[in-house]
Amino acid sequence: MTAAIVLAGGRASRLGGADKANLQIDGQPLINAVYASLAEAHPVIAVGPESIAHPGVTVVQEEPPFGGPVAGLAAAFVELDGILDAAAEVWVLACDLPRAALIVAQLREIPTPEAADAVILRDAGGRDQWLAGRYRIASLRSALDSLPDVRDVSMRLLVAGLNLYGVDDRLGATEDLDTWDDVAQYQHEEDHS
């Protein structure tokens, strides 16, 4: 069984501070698409406010809040430590991925190469999507432990020493909803598909 971490603790500043995880997309909170994609994962740890609570999901928050995704991962690892074998893997997904099921579908059957620390999607522009992948727990824990502090640390810095195996996203799964324009574009695409 693969664990999962869902990161939903951001300020959503490009959405005017709206509760991004609970934006209504396709008639349900945006984060529900991510939770649904992780139905086979256990445990599922979500990092963010209590408003992201969902059956079968443990909600934690980094301290202090809004410390960024690396601080969120560190908070989630407090819950994971001691539960899973160090050889296990963990999905890491952002809360704003309406096509999360397509991320999991594309990566589920791809084994993590022996020399790699993670399998992640690469978007159409060739950019690695660090919050759309599956990581070896031991590798991610080691990367977190190597940092003097996790607050306001970029994902780029966290993964700099990791060997990431990138898989090209063939389905547009990495589209995230960071702005109101993104939301409108996604809804338009869905209405016309």
Protein backbone atom coordinates (compact mmCIF):
# COMPACT_ATOMS: atom_id res chain seq x y z
CA MET A 1 0.00 0.00 0.00
CA THR A 2 1.27 3.47 -0.90
CA ALA A 3 0.66 6.38 1.49
CA ALA A 4 -0.36 9.84 0.30
CA ILE A 5 0.19 13.45 1.27
CA VAL A 6 -2.13 16.15 -0.05
CA LEU A 7 -0.89 19.71 0.35
CA ALA A 8 -3.62 22.29 0.89
CA GLY A 9 -2.12 24.77 3.32
CA GLY A 10 -1.36 27.69 1.01
CA ARG A 11 -2.77 31.20 1.12
CA ALA A 12 -4.18 31.07 -2.46
CA SER A 13 -2.99 34.66 -2.94
CA ARG A 14 -3.52 34.49 -6.71
CA LEU A 15 -7.16 33.59 -5.97
CA GLY A 16 -7.58 36.57 -3.67
CA GLY A 17 -7.25 34.35 -0.59
CA ALA A 18 -10.19 32.13 -1.55
CA ASP A 19 -10.36 28.66 0.00
CA LYS A 20 -8.76 26.95 -3.00
CA ALA A 21 -9.24 23.39 -1.76
CA ASN A 22 -12.97 23.95 -1.40
CA LEU A 23 -13.60 25.77 -4.69
CA GLN A 24 -16.62 24.20 -6.33
CA ILE A 25 -15.42 22.42 -9.47
CA ASP A 26 -17.71 19.99 -11.25
CA GLY A 27 -20.16 20.38 -8.36
CA GLN A 28 -17.76 19.37 -5.61
CA PRO A 29 -14.83 20.80 -3.66
CA LEU A 30 -11.67 20.81 -5.78
CA ILE A 31 -9.76 18.76 -3.22
CA ASN A 32 -12.30 15.92 -3.56
CA ALA A 33 -10.89 15.14 -7.02
CA VAL A 34 -7.51 14.60 -5.37
CA TYR A 35 -8.97 12.48 -2.56
CA ALA A 36 -10.87 10.35 -5.09
CA SER A 37 -7.66 9.71 -7.04
CA LEU A 38 -6.07 8.32 -3.87
CA ALA A 39 -8.78 5.82 -2.96
CA GLU A 40 -6.23 2.98 -2.89
CA ALA A 41 -3.67 4.90 -0.80
CA HIS A 42 -3.30 4.44 2.93
CA PRO A 43 -2.83 6.39 5.05
CA VAL A 44 -3.83 9.68 3.43
CA ILE A 45 -2.52 12.76 5.23
CA ALA A 46 -3.84 16.17 4.18
CA VAL A 47 -2.03 19.31 5.29
CA GLY A 48 -4.17 22.40 5.69
CA PRO A 49 -7.14 23.82 7.60
CA GLU A 50 -9.87 21.67 9.16
CA SER A 51 -12.16 22.63 6.24
CA ILE A 52 -10.40 19.95 4.14
CA ALA A 53 -11.54 17.15 6.45
CA HIS A 54 -12.79 14.07 4.61
CA PRO A 55 -13.64 10.52 5.72
CA GLY A 56 -10.52 8.37 5.90
CA VAL A 57 -8.17 11.37 5.72
CA THR A 58 -6.03 12.60 8.61
CA VAL A 59 -5.74 16.41 8.59
CA VAL A 60 -2.67 18.11 10.04
CA GLN A 61 -1.30 21.63 9.78
CA GLU A 62 2.23 22.90 9.70
CA GLU A 63 3.21 25.08 12.63
CA PRO A 64 3.00 27.98 12.15
CA PRO A 65 0.48 27.85 9.29
CA PHE A 66 1.35 28.97 5.75
CA GLY A 67 4.94 27.74 5.97
CA GLY A 68 4.91 26.46 2.40
CA PRO A 69 4.83 23.00 0.83
CA VAL A 70 8.08 21.78 2.41
CA ALA A 71 6.79 22.68 5.88
CA GLY A 72 3.59 20.88 4.94
CA LEU A 73 5.50 17.75 3.99
CA ALA A 74 7.41 17.88 7.28
CA ALA A 75 4.11 18.11 9.21
CA ALA A 76 2.73 15.13 7.29
CA PHE A 77 5.84 13.08 8.03
CA VAL A 78 5.20 13.46 11.76
CA GLU A 79 2.08 11.36 11.10
CA LEU A 80 3.83 8.90 8.77
CA ASP A 81 6.92 8.25 10.90
CA GLY A 82 6.81 4.80 12.41
CA ILE A 83 3.74 3.73 10.41
CA LEU A 84 5.34 2.69 7.15
CA ASP A 85 8.40 0.76 6.15
CA ALA A 86 11.20 3.05 4.97
CA ALA A 87 11.10 1.25 1.62
CA ALA A 88 7.48 2.32 1.08
CA GLU A 89 6.41 5.12 -1.22
CA VAL A 90 4.15 8.13 -0.80
CA TRP A 91 2.07 10.03 -3.32
CA VAL A 92 2.60 13.80 -3.06
CA LEU A 93 -0.16 15.84 -4.68
CA ALA A 94 -1.24 19.47 -4.48
CA CYS A 95 -4.90 20.14 -3.66
CA ASP A 96 -5.52 22.12 -6.86
CA LEU A 97 -5.28 19.31 -9.42
CA PRO A 98 -8.75 18.67 -10.87
CA ARG A 99 -7.32 15.87 -13.04
CA ALA A 100 -5.48 14.13 -10.20
CA ALA A 101 -6.96 10.78 -11.24
CA LEU A 102 -5.06 11.09 -14.52
CA ILE A 103 -1.83 11.77 -12.64
CA VAL A 104 -2.25 8.62 -10.58
CA ALA A 105 -3.35 6.63 -13.64
CA GLN A 106 -0.23 7.63 -15.59
CA LEU A 107 2.20 6.90 -12.75
CA ARG A 108 0.57 4.00 -10.89
CA GLU A 109 2.05 1.24 -13.02
CA ILE A 110 5.47 2.82 -13.52
CA PRO A 111 7.92 1.34 -11.04
CA THR A 112 10.38 3.70 -9.44
CA PRO A 113 13.73 2.90 -11.09
CA GLU A 114 16.26 1.45 -8.66
CA ALA A 115 18.49 4.54 -8.81
CA ALA A 116 15.58 7.02 -8.58
CA ASP A 117 14.02 8.64 -5.53
CA ALA A 118 10.69 9.47 -7.16
CA VAL A 119 8.51 9.17 -10.24
CA ILE A 120 6.91 12.50 -11.16
CA LEU A 121 5.03 13.97 -14.08
CA ARG A 122 6.61 16.49 -16.44
CA ASP A 123 4.16 19.00 -17.94
CA ALA A 124 3.78 19.87 -21.62
CA GLY A 125 6.37 22.65 -21.21
CA GLY A 126 8.95 20.14 -19.95
CA ARG A 127 8.79 21.31 -16.31
CA ASP A 128 8.98 18.75 -13.53
CA GLN A 129 5.85 18.84 -11.37
CA TRP A 130 7.17 18.05 -7.90
CA LEU A 131 3.66 18.02 -6.40
CA ALA A 132 2.41 15.41 -8.87
CA GLY A 133 4.33 12.27 -8.13
CA ARG A 134 5.28 9.30 -5.97
CA TYR A 135 8.37 9.43 -3.75
CA ARG A 136 10.37 6.89 -1.82
CA ILE A 137 9.61 7.68 1.82
CA ALA A 138 13.23 7.21 2.90
CA SER A 139 14.48 9.60 0.20
CA LEU A 140 11.96 12.32 1.04
CA ARG A 141 12.61 11.92 4.78
CA SER A 142 16.37 12.24 4.17
CA ALA A 143 15.86 15.37 2.05
CA LEU A 144 13.68 16.93 4.77
CA ASP A 145 16.18 16.03 7.49
CA SER A 146 19.02 17.67 5.54
CA LEU A 147 17.38 21.11 5.81
CA PRO A 148 18.17 23.36 8.76
CA ASP A 149 14.61 24.70 8.65
CA VAL A 150 11.56 23.78 6.56
CA ARG A 151 9.54 26.98 6.80
CA ASP A 152 9.40 28.97 3.54
CA VAL A 153 11.78 26.54 1.82
CA SER A 154 11.13 25.97 -1.86
CA MET A 155 10.32 22.55 -3.31
CA ARG A 156 13.17 23.20 -5.75
CA LEU A 157 15.63 23.23 -2.86
CA LEU A 158 14.08 20.16 -1.23
CA VAL A 159 14.31 18.01 -4.36
CA ALA A 160 17.66 19.40 -5.59
CA GLY A 161 19.57 16.38 -4.31
CA LEU A 162 16.99 13.79 -5.35
CA ASN A 163 17.09 11.70 -8.50
CA LEU A 164 13.67 12.31 -10.05
CA TYR A 165 12.39 10.08 -12.83
CA GLY A 166 10.22 12.31 -14.99
CA VAL A 167 7.33 10.97 -17.07
CA ASP A 168 5.82 13.14 -19.79
CA ASP A 169 2.20 14.07 -19.04
CA ARG A 170 0.32 12.93 -22.14
CA LEU A 171 -3.16 13.75 -20.79
CA GLY A 172 -2.99 17.33 -19.46
CA ALA A 173 -3.22 15.93 -15.93
CA THR A 174 -0.83 18.44 -14.38
CA GLU A 175 -3.10 21.42 -15.05
CA ASP A 176 -3.55 23.19 -11.74
CA LEU A 177 -5.96 25.93 -10.75
CA ASP A 178 -3.90 28.78 -9.32
CA THR A 179 -5.86 31.77 -10.65
CA TRP A 180 -9.46 32.64 -11.50
CA ASP A 181 -8.42 32.55 -15.17
CA ASP A 182 -7.20 28.96 -14.65
CA VAL A 183 -10.56 28.06 -13.08
CA ALA A 184 -12.51 29.64 -15.95
CA GLN A 185 -10.30 27.97 -18.57
CA TYR A 186 -10.67 24.55 -16.93
CA GLN A 187 -14.45 24.88 -16.68
CA HIS A 188 -14.61 25.98 -20.33
CA GLU A 189 -12.55 22.96 -21.39
CA GLU A 190 -14.73 20.61 -19.38
CA ASP A 191 -17.94 22.13 -20.78
CA HIS A 192 -16.68 21.60 -24.32
CA SER A 193 -15.12 18.17 -23.99
